[in-house]
Amino acid sequence: MQVVSRFRVPVGEGETFRSDLATAREALAACTGYAGGEIGRNVDDPELWVLTTRWENVGSYRRALSSYDVKLRAVAVLSRAIEEPSAYEDAGPGTTLNTGSPRSIG
């Protein structure tokens, strides 16, 4: 699965934000199930940044967000993300897609 978190950051804060985002990515990268990730900035709108991470599964990602180190080093910057859905399942040819129905917890 992949997680796409977008951020709107004033141009004057870009370098500090880039450093903070790199620290967040490093904290996530140390977690079990992390499969890769990149930081990017939009080529047409320099105030728009993105952190894209890939995970073995949604459980790995959710457990990573609960880890102490991620809470300490990443949550503050991740909380600045634009509020929109950010978790995406792999949808390449031959994959089975998730169904859009409520899940039972018991």
PDB file of N, CA and C in Angstrom:
ATOM      1  N   MET A   1       0.837  -1.163   0.000  1.00  0.00           N
ATOM      2  CA  MET A   1       0.000   0.000   0.000  1.00  0.00           C
ATOM      3  C   MET A   1       0.883   1.227   0.000  1.00  0.00           C
ATOM      4  N   GLN A   2       0.321   2.329  -0.387  1.00  0.00           N
ATOM      5  CA  GLN A   2       1.077   3.584  -0.408  1.00  0.00           C
ATOM      6  C   GLN A   2       0.306   4.679   0.305  1.00  0.00           C
ATOM      7  N   VAL A   3       1.060   5.583   0.894  1.00  0.00           N
ATOM      8  CA  VAL A   3       0.473   6.711   1.603  1.00  0.00           C
ATOM      9  C   VAL A   3       1.011   7.980   0.967  1.00  0.00           C
ATOM     10  N   VAL A   4       0.094   8.853   0.567  1.00  0.00           N
ATOM     11  CA  VAL A   4       0.455  10.119  -0.074  1.00  0.00           C
ATOM     12  C   VAL A   4      -0.046  11.246   0.820  1.00  0.00           C
ATOM     13  N   SER A   5       0.887  11.970   1.428  1.00  0.00           N
ATOM     14  CA  SER A   5       0.539  13.092   2.299  1.00  0.00           C
ATOM     15  C   SER A   5       1.029  14.372   1.653  1.00  0.00           C
ATOM     16  N   ARG A   6       0.087  15.282   1.386  1.00  0.00           N
ATOM     17  CA  ARG A   6       0.437  16.551   0.747  1.00  0.00           C
ATOM     18  C   ARG A   6       0.403  17.672   1.782  1.00  0.00           C
ATOM     19  N   PHE A   7       1.255  18.668   1.574  1.00  0.00           N
ATOM     20  CA  PHE A   7       1.406  19.764   2.513  1.00  0.00           C
ATOM     21  C   PHE A   7       1.463  21.089   1.756  1.00  0.00           C
ATOM     22  N   ARG A   8       0.863  22.122   2.303  1.00  0.00           N
ATOM     23  CA  ARG A   8       0.975  23.477   1.770  1.00  0.00           C
ATOM     24  C   ARG A   8       1.874  24.243   2.740  1.00  0.00           C
ATOM     25  N   VAL A   9       3.031  24.687   2.246  1.00  0.00           N
ATOM     26  CA  VAL A   9       4.049  25.310   3.092  1.00  0.00           C
ATOM     27  C   VAL A   9       4.490  26.627   2.451  1.00  0.00           C
ATOM     28  N   PRO A  10       4.423  27.745   3.190  1.00  0.00           N
ATOM     29  CA  PRO A  10       4.900  29.013   2.629  1.00  0.00           C
ATOM     30  C   PRO A  10       6.348  28.884   2.149  1.00  0.00           C
ATOM     31  N   VAL A  11       6.659  29.524   1.031  1.00  0.00           N
ATOM     32  CA  VAL A  11       7.980  29.393   0.403  1.00  0.00           C
ATOM     33  C   VAL A  11       9.110  29.675   1.394  1.00  0.00           C
ATOM     34  N   GLY A  12       8.967  30.651   2.241  1.00  0.00           N
ATOM     35  CA  GLY A  12      10.015  31.001   3.196  1.00  0.00           C
ATOM     36  C   GLY A  12      10.299  29.935   4.237  1.00  0.00           C
ATOM     37  N   GLU A  13       9.390  28.990   4.396  1.00  0.00           N
ATOM     38  CA  GLU A  13       9.559  27.911   5.371  1.00  0.00           C
ATOM     39  C   GLU A  13      10.022  26.606   4.723  1.00  0.00           C
ATOM     40  N   GLY A  14      10.270  26.630   3.426  1.00  0.00           N
ATOM     41  CA  GLY A  14      10.552  25.407   2.682  1.00  0.00           C
ATOM     42  C   GLY A  14      11.738  24.607   3.171  1.00  0.00           C
ATOM     43  N   GLU A  15      12.863  25.253   3.445  1.00  0.00           N
ATOM     44  CA  GLU A  15      14.053  24.506   3.852  1.00  0.00           C
ATOM     45  C   GLU A  15      13.881  23.872   5.221  1.00  0.00           C
ATOM     46  N   THR A  16      13.290  24.599   6.151  1.00  0.00           N
ATOM     47  CA  THR A  16      13.034  24.034   7.476  1.00  0.00           C
ATOM     48  C   THR A  16      12.049  22.874   7.365  1.00  0.00           C
ATOM     49  N   PHE A  17      11.010  23.069   6.558  1.00  0.00           N
ATOM     50  CA  PHE A  17      10.021  22.012   6.383  1.00  0.00           C
ATOM     51  C   PHE A  17      10.657  20.780   5.750  1.00  0.00           C
ATOM     52  N   ARG A  18      11.509  20.982   4.752  1.00  0.00           N
ATOM     53  CA  ARG A  18      12.161  19.842   4.099  1.00  0.00           C
ATOM     54  C   ARG A  18      12.960  19.029   5.113  1.00  0.00           C
ATOM     55  N   SER A  19      13.670  19.710   5.992  1.00  0.00           N
ATOM     56  CA  SER A  19      14.435  19.017   7.027  1.00  0.00           C
ATOM     57  C   SER A  19      13.513  18.255   7.980  1.00  0.00           C
ATOM     58  N   ASP A  20      12.428  18.894   8.405  1.00  0.00           N
ATOM     59  CA  ASP A  20      11.475  18.241   9.302  1.00  0.00           C
ATOM     60  C   ASP A  20      10.832  17.026   8.630  1.00  0.00           C
ATOM     61  N   LEU A  21      10.513  17.157   7.343  1.00  0.00           N
ATOM     62  CA  LEU A  21       9.894  16.053   6.608  1.00  0.00           C
ATOM     63  C   LEU A  21      10.879  14.894   6.435  1.00  0.00           C
ATOM     64  N   ALA A  22      12.146  15.222   6.233  1.00  0.00           N
ATOM     65  CA  ALA A  22      13.171  14.174   6.128  1.00  0.00           C
ATOM     66  C   ALA A  22      13.299  13.423   7.457  1.00  0.00           C
ATOM     67  N   THR A  23      13.237  14.134   8.562  1.00  0.00           N
ATOM     68  CA  THR A  23      13.280  13.495   9.880  1.00  0.00           C
ATOM     69  C   THR A  23      12.082  12.572  10.063  1.00  0.00           C
ATOM     70  N   ALA A  24      10.909  13.024   9.630  1.00  0.00           N
ATOM     71  CA  ALA A  24       9.697  12.197   9.725  1.00  0.00           C
ATOM     72  C   ALA A  24       9.844  10.939   8.873  1.00  0.00           C
ATOM     73  N   ARG A  25      10.351  11.094   7.649  1.00  0.00           N
ATOM     74  CA  ARG A  25      10.530   9.934   6.768  1.00  0.00           C
ATOM     75  C   ARG A  25      11.520   8.949   7.376  1.00  0.00           C
ATOM     76  N   GLU A  26      12.584   9.443   7.963  1.00  0.00           N
ATOM     77  CA  GLU A  26      13.569   8.564   8.602  1.00  0.00           C
ATOM     78  C   GLU A  26      12.945   7.777   9.759  1.00  0.00           C
ATOM     79  N   ALA A  27      12.102   8.437  10.548  1.00  0.00           N
ATOM     80  CA  ALA A  27      11.432   7.744  11.660  1.00  0.00           C
ATOM     81  C   ALA A  27      10.505   6.658  11.125  1.00  0.00           C
ATOM     82  N   LEU A  28       9.763   6.973  10.076  1.00  0.00           N
ATOM     83  CA  LEU A  28       8.879   5.966   9.473  1.00  0.00           C
ATOM     84  C   LEU A  28       9.688   4.820   8.869  1.00  0.00           C
ATOM     85  N   ALA A  29      10.814   5.153   8.239  1.00  0.00           N
ATOM     86  CA  ALA A  29      11.641   4.149   7.572  1.00  0.00           C
ATOM     87  C   ALA A  29      12.195   3.110   8.553  1.00  0.00           C
ATOM     88  N   ALA A  30      12.319   3.475   9.807  1.00  0.00           N
ATOM     89  CA  ALA A  30      12.841   2.539  10.811  1.00  0.00           C
ATOM     90  C   ALA A  30      11.785   1.540  11.276  1.00  0.00           C
ATOM     91  N   CYS A  31      10.546   1.707  10.841  1.00  0.00           N
ATOM     92  CA  CYS A  31       9.451   0.858  11.304  1.00  0.00           C
ATOM     93  C   CYS A  31       9.304  -0.406  10.454  1.00  0.00           C
ATOM     94  N   THR A  32       8.868  -1.472  11.096  1.00  0.00           N
ATOM     95  CA  THR A  32       8.609  -2.736  10.421  1.00  0.00           C
ATOM     96  C   THR A  32       7.525  -2.547   9.360  1.00  0.00           C
ATOM     97  N   GLY A  33       7.777  -3.066   8.176  1.00  0.00           N
ATOM     98  CA  GLY A  33       6.802  -2.989   7.096  1.00  0.00           C
ATOM     99  C   GLY A  33       7.017  -1.839   6.140  1.00  0.00           C
ATOM    100  N   TYR A  34       7.940  -0.926   6.452  1.00  0.00           N
ATOM    101  CA  TYR A  34       8.244   0.190   5.563  1.00  0.00           C
ATOM    102  C   TYR A  34       8.956  -0.353   4.317  1.00  0.00           C
ATOM    103  N   ALA A  35       8.491   0.041   3.143  1.00  0.00           N
ATOM    104  CA  ALA A  35       9.070  -0.472   1.897  1.00  0.00           C
ATOM    105  C   ALA A  35       9.722   0.608   1.044  1.00  0.00           C
ATOM    106  N   GLY A  36       9.638   1.865   1.446  1.00  0.00           N
ATOM    107  CA  GLY A  36      10.270   2.941   0.703  1.00  0.00           C
ATOM    108  C   GLY A  36       9.484   4.232   0.809  1.00  0.00           C
ATOM    109  N   GLY A  37      10.134   5.316   0.405  1.00  0.00           N
ATOM    110  CA  GLY A  37       9.435   6.592   0.460  1.00  0.00           C
ATOM    111  C   GLY A  37      10.254   7.718  -0.140  1.00  0.00           C
ATOM    112  N   GLU A  38       9.553   8.765  -0.552  1.00  0.00           N
ATOM    113  CA  GLU A  38      10.191   9.916  -1.169  1.00  0.00           C
ATOM    114  C   GLU A  38       9.536  11.207  -0.682  1.00  0.00           C
ATOM    115  N   ILE A  39      10.321  12.263  -0.730  1.00  0.00           N
ATOM    116  CA  ILE A  39       9.846  13.615  -0.461  1.00  0.00           C
ATOM    117  C   ILE A  39       9.893  14.361  -1.788  1.00  0.00           C
ATOM    118  N   GLY A  40       8.857  15.134  -2.068  1.00  0.00           N
ATOM    119  CA  GLY A  40       8.845  15.895  -3.314  1.00  0.00           C
ATOM    120  C   GLY A  40       8.235  17.271  -3.127  1.00  0.00           C
ATOM    121  N   ARG A  41       8.544  18.139  -4.075  1.00  0.00           N
ATOM    122  CA  ARG A  41       7.933  19.464  -4.118  1.00  0.00           C
ATOM    123  C   ARG A  41       7.389  19.674  -5.511  1.00  0.00           C
ATOM    124  N   ASN A  42       6.204  20.240  -5.608  1.00  0.00           N
ATOM    125  CA  ASN A  42       5.537  20.453  -6.887  1.00  0.00           C
ATOM    126  C   ASN A  42       6.360  21.395  -7.764  1.00  0.00           C
ATOM    127  N   VAL A  43       6.519  21.051  -9.043  1.00  0.00           N
ATOM    128  CA  VAL A  43       7.327  21.857  -9.945  1.00  0.00           C
ATOM    129  C   VAL A  43       6.637  23.154 -10.359  1.00  0.00           C
ATOM    130  N   ASP A  44       5.314  23.201 -10.292  1.00  0.00           N
ATOM    131  CA  ASP A  44       4.579  24.402 -10.687  1.00  0.00           C
ATOM    132  C   ASP A  44       4.159  25.266  -9.506  1.00  0.00           C
ATOM    133  N   ASP A  45       4.031  24.673  -8.349  1.00  0.00           N
ATOM    134  CA  ASP A  45       3.598  25.386  -7.148  1.00  0.00           C
ATOM    135  C   ASP A  45       4.570  25.042  -6.015  1.00  0.00           C
ATOM    136  N   PRO A  46       5.599  25.870  -5.787  1.00  0.00           N
ATOM    137  CA  PRO A  46       6.637  25.542  -4.804  1.00  0.00           C
ATOM    138  C   PRO A  46       6.152  25.507  -3.355  1.00  0.00           C
ATOM    139  N   GLU A  47       4.900  25.866  -3.104  1.00  0.00           N
ATOM    140  CA  GLU A  47       4.367  25.753  -1.753  1.00  0.00           C
ATOM    141  C   GLU A  47       3.752  24.376  -1.490  1.00  0.00           C
ATOM    142  N   LEU A  48       3.649  23.544  -2.520  1.00  0.00           N
ATOM    143  CA  LEU A  48       3.016  22.233  -2.386  1.00  0.00           C
ATOM    144  C   LEU A  48       4.086  21.140  -2.306  1.00  0.00           C
ATOM    145  N   TRP A  49       4.112  20.447  -1.173  1.00  0.00           N
ATOM    146  CA  TRP A  49       5.068  19.380  -0.904  1.00  0.00           C
ATOM    147  C   TRP A  49       4.329  18.057  -0.751  1.00  0.00           C
ATOM    148  N   VAL A  50       5.053  16.945  -0.899  1.00  0.00           N
ATOM    149  CA  VAL A  50       4.458  15.629  -0.740  1.00  0.00           C
ATOM    150  C   VAL A  50       5.455  14.680  -0.063  1.00  0.00           C
ATOM    151  N   LEU A  51       4.917  13.832   0.790  1.00  0.00           N
ATOM    152  CA  LEU A  51       5.661  12.695   1.333  1.00  0.00           C
ATOM    153  C   LEU A  51       4.906  11.461   0.885  1.00  0.00           C
ATOM    154  N   THR A  52       5.565  10.615   0.123  1.00  0.00           N
ATOM    155  CA  THR A  52       4.971   9.370  -0.342  1.00  0.00           C
ATOM    156  C   THR A  52       5.737   8.221   0.295  1.00  0.00           C
ATOM    157  N   THR A  53       5.015   7.330   0.952  1.00  0.00           N
ATOM    158  CA  THR A  53       5.648   6.157   1.545  1.00  0.00           C
ATOM    159  C   THR A  53       4.941   4.905   1.059  1.00  0.00           C
ATOM    160  N   ARG A  54       5.677   3.796   1.034  1.00  0.00           N
ATOM    161  CA  ARG A  54       5.125   2.501   0.641  1.00  0.00           C
ATOM    162  C   ARG A  54       5.294   1.532   1.813  1.00  0.00           C
ATOM    163  N   TRP A  55       4.263   0.701   2.005  1.00  0.00           N
ATOM    164  CA  TRP A  55       4.213  -0.206   3.147  1.00  0.00           C
ATOM    165  C   TRP A  55       3.795  -1.595   2.702  1.00  0.00           C
ATOM    166  N   GLU A  56       4.218  -2.607   3.461  1.00  0.00           N
ATOM    167  CA  GLU A  56       3.821  -3.987   3.154  1.00  0.00           C
ATOM    168  C   GLU A  56       2.311  -4.141   3.209  1.00  0.00           C
ATOM    169  N   ASN A  57       1.675  -3.459   4.164  1.00  0.00           N
ATOM    170  CA  ASN A  57       0.220  -3.534   4.310  1.00  0.00           C
ATOM    171  C   ASN A  57      -0.250  -2.383   5.187  1.00  0.00           C
ATOM    172  N   VAL A  58      -1.541  -2.184   5.245  1.00  0.00           N
ATOM    173  CA  VAL A  58      -2.096  -1.063   6.010  1.00  0.00           C
ATOM    174  C   VAL A  58      -1.816  -1.213   7.502  1.00  0.00           C
ATOM    175  N   GLY A  59      -1.779  -2.437   7.990  1.00  0.00           N
ATOM    176  CA  GLY A  59      -1.474  -2.657   9.399  1.00  0.00           C
ATOM    177  C   GLY A  59      -0.087  -2.163   9.782  1.00  0.00           C
ATOM    178  N   SER A  60       0.888  -2.398   8.910  1.00  0.00           N
ATOM    179  CA  SER A  60       2.253  -1.923   9.169  1.00  0.00           C
ATOM    180  C   SER A  60       2.285  -0.408   9.287  1.00  0.00           C
ATOM    181  N   TYR A  61       1.572   0.260   8.386  1.00  0.00           N
ATOM    182  CA  TYR A  61       1.525   1.719   8.415  1.00  0.00           C
ATOM    183  C   TYR A  61       0.868   2.219   9.704  1.00  0.00           C
ATOM    184  N   ARG A  62      -0.245   1.633  10.053  1.00  0.00           N
ATOM    185  CA  ARG A  62      -0.956   2.085  11.258  1.00  0.00           C
ATOM    186  C   ARG A  62      -0.151   1.808  12.523  1.00  0.00           C
ATOM    187  N   ARG A  63       0.541   0.673  12.577  1.00  0.00           N
ATOM    188  CA  ARG A  63       1.398   0.389  13.734  1.00  0.00           C
ATOM    189  C   ARG A  63       2.561   1.377  13.789  1.00  0.00           C
ATOM    190  N   ALA A  64       3.093   1.754  12.628  1.00  0.00           N
ATOM    191  CA  ALA A  64       4.189   2.724  12.599  1.00  0.00           C
ATOM    192  C   ALA A  64       3.761   4.054  13.212  1.00  0.00           C
ATOM    193  N   LEU A  65       2.550   4.488  12.904  1.00  0.00           N
ATOM    194  CA  LEU A  65       2.065   5.754  13.459  1.00  0.00           C
ATOM    195  C   LEU A  65       1.922   5.693  14.979  1.00  0.00           C
ATOM    196  N   SER A  66       1.813   4.482  15.528  1.00  0.00           N
ATOM    197  CA  SER A  66       1.668   4.312  16.976  1.00  0.00           C
ATOM    198  C   SER A  66       3.009   4.202  17.694  1.00  0.00           C
ATOM    199  N   SER A  67       4.098   4.072  16.945  1.00  0.00           N
ATOM    200  CA  SER A  67       5.391   3.879  17.597  1.00  0.00           C
ATOM    201  C   SER A  67       5.848   5.165  18.292  1.00  0.00           C
ATOM    202  N   TYR A  68       6.550   4.998  19.390  1.00  0.00           N
ATOM    203  CA  TYR A  68       7.007   6.141  20.181  1.00  0.00           C
ATOM    204  C   TYR A  68       7.894   7.072  19.352  1.00  0.00           C
ATOM    205  N   ASP A  69       8.840   6.504  18.615  1.00  0.00           N
ATOM    206  CA  ASP A  69       9.777   7.320  17.839  1.00  0.00           C
ATOM    207  C   ASP A  69       9.049   8.136  16.765  1.00  0.00           C
ATOM    208  N   VAL A  70       8.067   7.543  16.110  1.00  0.00           N
ATOM    209  CA  VAL A  70       7.298   8.272  15.099  1.00  0.00           C
ATOM    210  C   VAL A  70       6.485   9.381  15.760  1.00  0.00           C
ATOM    211  N   LYS A  71       5.881   9.080  16.897  1.00  0.00           N
ATOM    212  CA  LYS A  71       5.140  10.124  17.605  1.00  0.00           C
ATOM    213  C   LYS A  71       6.057  11.281  17.975  1.00  0.00           C
ATOM    214  N   LEU A  72       7.262  10.972  18.379  1.00  0.00           N
ATOM    215  CA  LEU A  72       8.228  11.984  18.799  1.00  0.00           C
ATOM    216  C   LEU A  72       8.798  12.774  17.621  1.00  0.00           C
ATOM    217  N   ARG A  73       9.145  12.086  16.523  1.00  0.00           N
ATOM    218  CA  ARG A  73       9.886  12.712  15.434  1.00  0.00           C
ATOM    219  C   ARG A  73       9.071  13.045  14.192  1.00  0.00           C
ATOM    220  N   ALA A  74       7.852  12.499  14.073  1.00  0.00           N
ATOM    221  CA  ALA A  74       7.132  12.665  12.810  1.00  0.00           C
ATOM    222  C   ALA A  74       5.736  13.259  12.929  1.00  0.00           C
ATOM    223  N   VAL A  75       5.051  12.988  14.009  1.00  0.00           N
ATOM    224  CA  VAL A  75       3.637  13.366  14.091  1.00  0.00           C
ATOM    225  C   VAL A  75       3.424  14.867  13.954  1.00  0.00           C
ATOM    226  N   ALA A  76       4.295  15.678  14.523  1.00  0.00           N
ATOM    227  CA  ALA A  76       4.112  17.142  14.431  1.00  0.00           C
ATOM    228  C   ALA A  76       4.095  17.611  12.978  1.00  0.00           C
ATOM    229  N   VAL A  77       5.021  17.120  12.174  1.00  0.00           N
ATOM    230  CA  VAL A  77       5.039  17.543  10.770  1.00  0.00           C
ATOM    231  C   VAL A  77       3.926  16.857   9.977  1.00  0.00           C
ATOM    232  N   LEU A  78       3.637  15.596  10.263  1.00  0.00           N
ATOM    233  CA  LEU A  78       2.568  14.901   9.542  1.00  0.00           C
ATOM    234  C   LEU A  78       1.202  15.531   9.820  1.00  0.00           C
ATOM    235  N   SER A  79       1.045  16.129  10.992  1.00  0.00           N
ATOM    236  CA  SER A  79      -0.235  16.762  11.318  1.00  0.00           C
ATOM    237  C   SER A  79      -0.497  18.010  10.483  1.00  0.00           C
ATOM    238  N   ARG A  80       0.515  18.486   9.778  1.00  0.00           N
ATOM    239  CA  ARG A  80       0.356  19.650   8.894  1.00  0.00           C
ATOM    240  C   ARG A  80      -0.172  19.264   7.514  1.00  0.00           C
ATOM    241  N   ALA A  81      -0.367  17.985   7.269  1.00  0.00           N
ATOM    242  CA  ALA A  81      -0.821  17.513   5.950  1.00  0.00           C
ATOM    243  C   ALA A  81      -2.197  18.082   5.620  1.00  0.00           C
ATOM    244  N   ILE A  82      -2.416  18.294   4.343  1.00  0.00           N
ATOM    245  CA  ILE A  82      -3.726  18.703   3.851  1.00  0.00           C
ATOM    246  C   ILE A  82      -4.703  17.593   4.215  1.00  0.00           C
ATOM    247  N   GLU A  83      -5.846  17.967   4.757  1.00  0.00           N
ATOM    248  CA  GLU A  83      -6.810  16.951   5.197  1.00  0.00           C
ATOM    249  C   GLU A  83      -7.534  16.358   3.993  1.00  0.00           C
ATOM    250  N   GLU A  84      -7.119  15.156   3.639  1.00  0.00           N
ATOM    251  CA  GLU A  84      -7.713  14.402   2.544  1.00  0.00           C
ATOM    252  C   GLU A  84      -7.314  12.948   2.727  1.00  0.00           C
ATOM    253  N   PRO A  85      -8.042  12.015   2.126  1.00  0.00           N
ATOM    254  CA  PRO A  85      -7.642  10.609   2.226  1.00  0.00           C
ATOM    255  C   PRO A  85      -6.212  10.432   1.705  1.00  0.00           C
ATOM    256  N   SER A  86      -5.415   9.641   2.412  1.00  0.00           N
ATOM    257  CA  SER A  86      -4.009   9.529   2.026  1.00  0.00           C
ATOM    258  C   SER A  86      -3.527   8.097   1.797  1.00  0.00           C
ATOM    259  N   ALA A  87      -4.283   7.093   2.206  1.00  0.00           N
ATOM    260  CA  ALA A  87      -3.851   5.701   2.060  1.00  0.00           C
ATOM    261  C   ALA A  87      -4.464   5.100   0.796  1.00  0.00           C
ATOM    262  N   TYR A  88      -3.611   4.506  -0.036  1.00  0.00           N
ATOM    263  CA  TYR A  88      -4.037   3.930  -1.307  1.00  0.00           C
ATOM    264  C   TYR A  88      -3.579   2.484  -1.403  1.00  0.00           C
ATOM    265  N   GLU A  89      -4.464   1.630  -1.879  1.00  0.00           N
ATOM    266  CA  GLU A  89      -4.091   0.243  -2.116  1.00  0.00           C
ATOM    267  C   GLU A  89      -3.446   0.118  -3.497  1.00  0.00           C
ATOM    268  N   ASP A  90      -2.607  -0.888  -3.662  1.00  0.00           N
ATOM    269  CA  ASP A  90      -2.042  -1.171  -4.976  1.00  0.00           C
ATOM    270  C   ASP A  90      -3.171  -1.636  -5.879  1.00  0.00           C
ATOM    271  N   ALA A  91      -3.250  -1.084  -7.075  1.00  0.00           N
ATOM    272  CA  ALA A  91      -4.360  -1.393  -7.982  1.00  0.00           C
ATOM    273  C   ALA A  91      -3.870  -1.791  -9.369  1.00  0.00           C
ATOM    274  N   GLY A  92      -2.676  -2.353  -9.422  1.00  0.00           N
ATOM    275  CA  GLY A  92      -2.141  -2.790 -10.706  1.00  0.00           C
ATOM    276  C   GLY A  92      -2.922  -3.968 -11.264  1.00  0.00           C
ATOM    277  N   PRO A  93      -2.681  -4.289 -12.528  1.00  0.00           N
ATOM    278  CA  PRO A  93      -3.370  -5.422 -13.144  1.00  0.00           C
ATOM    279  C   PRO A  93      -3.184  -6.697 -12.316  1.00  0.00           C
ATOM    280  N   GLY A  94      -4.260  -7.426 -12.142  1.00  0.00           N
ATOM    281  CA  GLY A  94      -4.203  -8.701 -11.439  1.00  0.00           C
ATOM    282  C   GLY A  94      -4.328  -8.608  -9.929  1.00  0.00           C
ATOM    283  N   THR A  95      -4.402  -7.404  -9.380  1.00  0.00           N
ATOM    284  CA  THR A  95      -4.560  -7.299  -7.935  1.00  0.00           C
ATOM    285  C   THR A  95      -6.044  -7.346  -7.575  1.00  0.00           C
ATOM    286  N   THR A  96      -6.320  -7.833  -6.392  1.00  0.00           N
ATOM    287  CA  THR A  96      -7.689  -7.857  -5.898  1.00  0.00           C
ATOM    288  C   THR A  96      -7.931  -6.573  -5.130  1.00  0.00           C
ATOM    289  N   LEU A  97      -8.939  -5.826  -5.548  1.00  0.00           N
ATOM    290  CA  LEU A  97      -9.212  -4.547  -4.910  1.00  0.00           C
ATOM    291  C   LEU A  97     -10.077  -4.709  -3.662  1.00  0.00           C
ATOM    292  N   ASN A  98      -9.833  -3.846  -2.725  1.00  0.00           N
ATOM    293  CA  ASN A  98     -10.607  -3.786  -1.485  1.00  0.00           C
ATOM    294  C   ASN A  98     -12.067  -3.456  -1.811  1.00  0.00           C
ATOM    295  N   THR A  99     -12.987  -4.014  -1.075  1.00  0.00           N
ATOM    296  CA  THR A  99     -14.401  -3.664  -1.281  1.00  0.00           C
ATOM    297  C   THR A  99     -14.755  -2.491  -0.399  1.00  0.00           C
ATOM    298  N   GLY A 100     -15.610  -1.628  -0.891  1.00  0.00           N
ATOM    299  CA  GLY A 100     -15.992  -0.420  -0.167  1.00  0.00           C
ATOM    300  C   GLY A 100     -17.119  -0.648   0.801  1.00  0.00           C
ATOM    301  N   SER A 101     -17.029  -1.664   1.642  1.00  0.00           N
ATOM    302  CA  SER A 101     -18.094  -1.943   2.600  1.00  0.00           C
ATOM    303  C   SER A 101     -17.555  -1.809   4.012  1.00  0.00           C
ATOM    304  N   PRO A 102     -18.445  -1.541   4.971  1.00  0.00           N
ATOM    305  CA  PRO A 102     -18.008  -1.428   6.379  1.00  0.00           C
ATOM    306  C   PRO A 102     -17.389  -2.724   6.852  1.00  0.00           C
ATOM    307  N   ARG A 103     -16.431  -2.602   7.738  1.00  0.00           N
ATOM    308  CA  ARG A 103     -15.768  -3.793   8.271  1.00  0.00           C
ATOM    309  C   ARG A 103     -16.273  -4.073   9.672  1.00  0.00           C
ATOM    310  N   SER A 104     -16.374  -5.322   9.992  1.00  0.00           N
ATOM    311  CA  SER A 104     -16.781  -5.740  11.337  1.00  0.00           C
ATOM    312  C   SER A 104     -15.560  -5.826  12.230  1.00  0.00           C
ATOM    313  N   ILE A 105     -15.693  -5.405  13.466  1.00  0.00           N
ATOM    314  CA  ILE A 105     -14.576  -5.531  14.421  1.00  0.00           C
ATOM    315  C   ILE A 105     -14.833  -6.678  15.393  1.00  0.00           C
ATOM    316  N   GLY A 106     -15.816  -7.456  15.139  1.00  0.00           N
ATOM    317  CA  GLY A 106     -16.066  -8.552  16.067  1.00  0.00           C
ATOM    318  C   GLY A 106     -16.934  -9.528  15.494  1.00  0.00           C
TER     319      GLY A 106
END
